[in-house]
Amino acid sequence: MRVLLFAALRDAAGPTVEVNLPAGATVRALRAELARVLPSALLARSAIAVNHEYADDSCEVRAGDEVAVIPPVSGG
């Protein structure tokens, strides 16, 4: 599954990362897999969007879903 990254995560790892998840995996499992390649402190504070909607950790992710990790940002 290709996961889109934004802001500081994109700076750290590039625009996308590829992860392999079993069928029926949830956002929680996705976070655990992403923690292997992304800064965990930033990942823990980041929102996950699945198919353009914010998703909680119990949301199932499927092959073909558009998944994005959106870290907190600041600005004015």
N, C-alpha and C. Protein backbone atom coordinates (compact mmCIF):
# COMPACT_ATOMS: atom_id res chain seq x y z
N MET A 1 0.85 -1.16 0.00
CA MET A 1 0.00 0.00 0.00
C MET A 1 0.90 1.23 0.00
N ARG A 2 0.56 2.18 -0.84
CA ARG A 2 1.30 3.44 -0.91
C ARG A 2 0.64 4.43 0.04
N VAL A 3 1.47 5.05 0.89
CA VAL A 3 0.98 6.02 1.87
C VAL A 3 1.58 7.38 1.55
N LEU A 4 0.73 8.38 1.41
CA LEU A 4 1.16 9.74 1.12
C LEU A 4 1.60 10.43 2.40
N LEU A 5 2.69 11.18 2.33
CA LEU A 5 3.21 11.91 3.48
C LEU A 5 3.19 13.40 3.20
N PHE A 6 3.01 14.18 4.26
CA PHE A 6 2.94 15.62 4.12
C PHE A 6 3.81 16.30 5.18
N ALA A 7 4.12 17.57 4.91
CA ALA A 7 4.84 18.47 5.82
C ALA A 7 6.16 17.84 6.29
N ALA A 8 6.39 17.83 7.61
CA ALA A 8 7.68 17.37 8.15
C ALA A 8 7.93 15.89 7.86
N LEU A 9 6.90 15.08 7.80
CA LEU A 9 7.10 13.66 7.47
C LEU A 9 7.59 13.51 6.03
N ARG A 10 7.07 14.33 5.15
CA ARG A 10 7.52 14.31 3.75
C ARG A 10 8.98 14.73 3.68
N ASP A 11 9.36 15.73 4.47
CA ASP A 11 10.75 16.16 4.51
C ASP A 11 11.66 15.05 5.01
N ALA A 12 11.18 14.27 5.96
CA ALA A 12 11.99 13.21 6.57
C ALA A 12 12.11 11.96 5.71
N ALA A 13 11.04 11.62 4.98
CA ALA A 13 11.03 10.31 4.30
C ALA A 13 10.66 10.36 2.83
N GLY A 14 10.32 11.53 2.29
CA GLY A 14 9.89 11.62 0.90
C GLY A 14 8.39 11.69 0.80
N PRO A 15 7.87 11.79 -0.43
CA PRO A 15 6.43 12.01 -0.62
C PRO A 15 5.57 10.79 -0.33
N THR A 16 6.13 9.60 -0.42
CA THR A 16 5.36 8.38 -0.16
C THR A 16 6.24 7.32 0.48
N VAL A 17 5.59 6.39 1.16
CA VAL A 17 6.24 5.17 1.63
C VAL A 17 5.35 4.00 1.25
N GLU A 18 5.95 2.85 1.06
CA GLU A 18 5.20 1.63 0.76
C GLU A 18 5.20 0.74 2.00
N VAL A 19 4.04 0.21 2.34
CA VAL A 19 3.93 -0.72 3.47
C VAL A 19 3.12 -1.94 3.02
N ASN A 20 3.40 -3.05 3.65
CA ASN A 20 2.64 -4.28 3.40
C ASN A 20 1.82 -4.58 4.64
N LEU A 21 0.52 -4.70 4.45
CA LEU A 21 -0.39 -5.00 5.54
C LEU A 21 -1.25 -6.19 5.17
N PRO A 22 -1.60 -7.01 6.14
CA PRO A 22 -2.50 -8.13 5.85
C PRO A 22 -3.93 -7.65 5.63
N ALA A 23 -4.73 -8.47 5.01
CA ALA A 23 -6.15 -8.15 4.83
C ALA A 23 -6.78 -7.92 6.19
N GLY A 24 -7.66 -6.94 6.27
CA GLY A 24 -8.34 -6.64 7.52
C GLY A 24 -7.55 -5.76 8.47
N ALA A 25 -6.40 -5.25 8.03
CA ALA A 25 -5.57 -4.40 8.89
C ALA A 25 -6.29 -3.09 9.19
N THR A 26 -5.97 -2.52 10.32
CA THR A 26 -6.57 -1.26 10.75
C THR A 26 -5.52 -0.14 10.70
N VAL A 27 -6.01 1.07 10.92
CA VAL A 27 -5.09 2.21 11.02
C VAL A 27 -4.08 1.98 12.13
N ARG A 28 -4.47 1.33 13.21
CA ARG A 28 -3.53 1.03 14.30
C ARG A 28 -2.37 0.18 13.79
N ALA A 29 -2.66 -0.83 12.99
CA ALA A 29 -1.61 -1.67 12.40
C ALA A 29 -0.77 -0.87 11.42
N LEU A 30 -1.40 0.00 10.68
CA LEU A 30 -0.68 0.87 9.75
C LEU A 30 0.30 1.75 10.51
N ARG A 31 -0.14 2.36 11.61
CA ARG A 31 0.75 3.19 12.42
C ARG A 31 1.96 2.38 12.91
N ALA A 32 1.71 1.16 13.35
CA ALA A 32 2.82 0.31 13.84
C ALA A 32 3.82 0.04 12.72
N GLU A 33 3.33 -0.21 11.54
CA GLU A 33 4.23 -0.46 10.40
C GLU A 33 4.97 0.81 10.01
N LEU A 34 4.29 1.93 10.00
CA LEU A 34 4.93 3.20 9.64
C LEU A 34 5.98 3.60 10.66
N ALA A 35 5.81 3.22 11.93
CA ALA A 35 6.77 3.57 12.98
C ALA A 35 8.15 2.98 12.70
N ARG A 36 8.22 1.98 11.85
CA ARG A 36 9.51 1.38 11.49
C ARG A 36 10.34 2.31 10.60
N VAL A 37 9.67 3.21 9.87
CA VAL A 37 10.38 4.04 8.89
C VAL A 37 10.22 5.55 9.09
N LEU A 38 9.32 5.96 9.97
CA LEU A 38 9.07 7.38 10.18
C LEU A 38 9.40 7.78 11.61
N PRO A 39 9.70 9.05 11.86
CA PRO A 39 9.96 9.52 13.22
C PRO A 39 8.73 9.27 14.11
N SER A 40 8.88 8.42 15.11
CA SER A 40 7.72 7.98 15.88
C SER A 40 7.07 9.11 16.68
N ALA A 41 7.84 10.07 17.19
CA ALA A 41 7.24 11.15 17.97
C ALA A 41 6.30 11.97 17.09
N LEU A 42 6.69 12.22 15.87
CA LEU A 42 5.86 12.98 14.95
C LEU A 42 4.67 12.14 14.47
N LEU A 43 4.90 10.88 14.20
CA LEU A 43 3.84 9.98 13.75
C LEU A 43 2.73 9.87 14.80
N ALA A 44 3.10 9.82 16.06
CA ALA A 44 2.11 9.69 17.14
C ALA A 44 1.14 10.86 17.18
N ARG A 45 1.59 12.04 16.76
CA ARG A 45 0.74 13.23 16.79
C ARG A 45 0.05 13.49 15.45
N SER A 46 0.29 12.64 14.49
CA SER A 46 -0.23 12.85 13.13
C SER A 46 -1.62 12.25 12.96
N ALA A 47 -2.39 12.88 12.09
CA ALA A 47 -3.70 12.35 11.70
C ALA A 47 -3.51 11.42 10.50
N ILE A 48 -4.37 10.43 10.40
CA ILE A 48 -4.39 9.53 9.26
C ILE A 48 -5.71 9.75 8.52
N ALA A 49 -5.61 9.92 7.22
CA ALA A 49 -6.82 10.04 6.39
C ALA A 49 -6.90 8.84 5.46
N VAL A 50 -8.07 8.28 5.35
CA VAL A 50 -8.32 7.16 4.45
C VAL A 50 -9.42 7.61 3.49
N ASN A 51 -9.07 7.62 2.21
CA ASN A 51 -10.02 8.05 1.18
C ASN A 51 -10.61 9.43 1.48
N HIS A 52 -9.72 10.36 1.84
CA HIS A 52 -10.05 11.78 2.04
C HIS A 52 -10.87 12.06 3.30
N GLU A 53 -10.92 11.12 4.24
CA GLU A 53 -11.62 11.35 5.50
C GLU A 53 -10.71 10.93 6.64
N TYR A 54 -10.66 11.76 7.69
CA TYR A 54 -9.87 11.40 8.86
C TYR A 54 -10.38 10.08 9.43
N ALA A 55 -9.45 9.24 9.86
CA ALA A 55 -9.81 7.91 10.34
C ALA A 55 -9.22 7.66 11.73
N ASP A 56 -9.98 7.00 12.59
CA ASP A 56 -9.43 6.64 13.89
C ASP A 56 -8.71 5.30 13.78
N ASP A 57 -8.06 4.89 14.86
CA ASP A 57 -7.21 3.70 14.82
C ASP A 57 -7.97 2.40 14.54
N SER A 58 -9.28 2.40 14.72
CA SER A 58 -10.04 1.17 14.47
C SER A 58 -10.51 1.04 13.02
N CYS A 59 -10.30 2.06 12.23
CA CYS A 59 -10.74 2.05 10.82
C CYS A 59 -9.93 1.02 10.03
N GLU A 60 -10.62 0.22 9.24
CA GLU A 60 -9.95 -0.76 8.39
C GLU A 60 -9.40 -0.09 7.14
N VAL A 61 -8.19 -0.48 6.75
CA VAL A 61 -7.61 -0.01 5.50
C VAL A 61 -7.52 -1.18 4.54
N ARG A 62 -7.82 -0.91 3.28
CA ARG A 62 -7.86 -1.96 2.27
C ARG A 62 -6.93 -1.61 1.12
N ALA A 63 -6.49 -2.61 0.40
CA ALA A 63 -5.70 -2.37 -0.80
C ALA A 63 -6.51 -1.45 -1.71
N GLY A 64 -5.86 -0.46 -2.27
CA GLY A 64 -6.53 0.47 -3.15
C GLY A 64 -7.03 1.73 -2.47
N ASP A 65 -7.08 1.73 -1.13
CA ASP A 65 -7.46 2.95 -0.41
C ASP A 65 -6.38 4.00 -0.60
N GLU A 66 -6.79 5.27 -0.63
CA GLU A 66 -5.81 6.36 -0.58
C GLU A 66 -5.60 6.70 0.88
N VAL A 67 -4.37 6.54 1.34
CA VAL A 67 -4.03 6.77 2.73
C VAL A 67 -3.02 7.89 2.81
N ALA A 68 -3.23 8.84 3.73
CA ALA A 68 -2.32 9.96 3.92
C ALA A 68 -2.04 10.14 5.40
N VAL A 69 -0.79 10.53 5.70
CA VAL A 69 -0.40 10.84 7.07
C VAL A 69 -0.15 12.35 7.11
N ILE A 70 -0.86 13.02 8.00
CA ILE A 70 -0.83 14.47 8.06
C ILE A 70 -0.36 14.90 9.45
N PRO A 71 0.91 15.33 9.56
CA PRO A 71 1.41 15.75 10.87
C PRO A 71 0.83 17.12 11.24
N PRO A 72 0.92 17.45 12.54
CA PRO A 72 0.46 18.77 12.94
C PRO A 72 1.33 19.84 12.30
N VAL A 73 0.71 20.94 11.95
CA VAL A 73 1.44 22.05 11.34
C VAL A 73 1.12 23.32 12.11
N SER A 74 1.99 24.28 12.01
CA SER A 74 1.72 25.57 12.61
C SER A 74 2.00 26.65 11.59
N GLY A 75 1.50 27.77 11.83
CA GLY A 75 1.71 28.86 10.90
C GLY A 75 0.71 29.96 11.16
N GLY A 76 0.81 30.95 10.36
CA GLY A 76 -0.10 32.05 10.59
C GLY A 76 -0.52 32.70 9.31
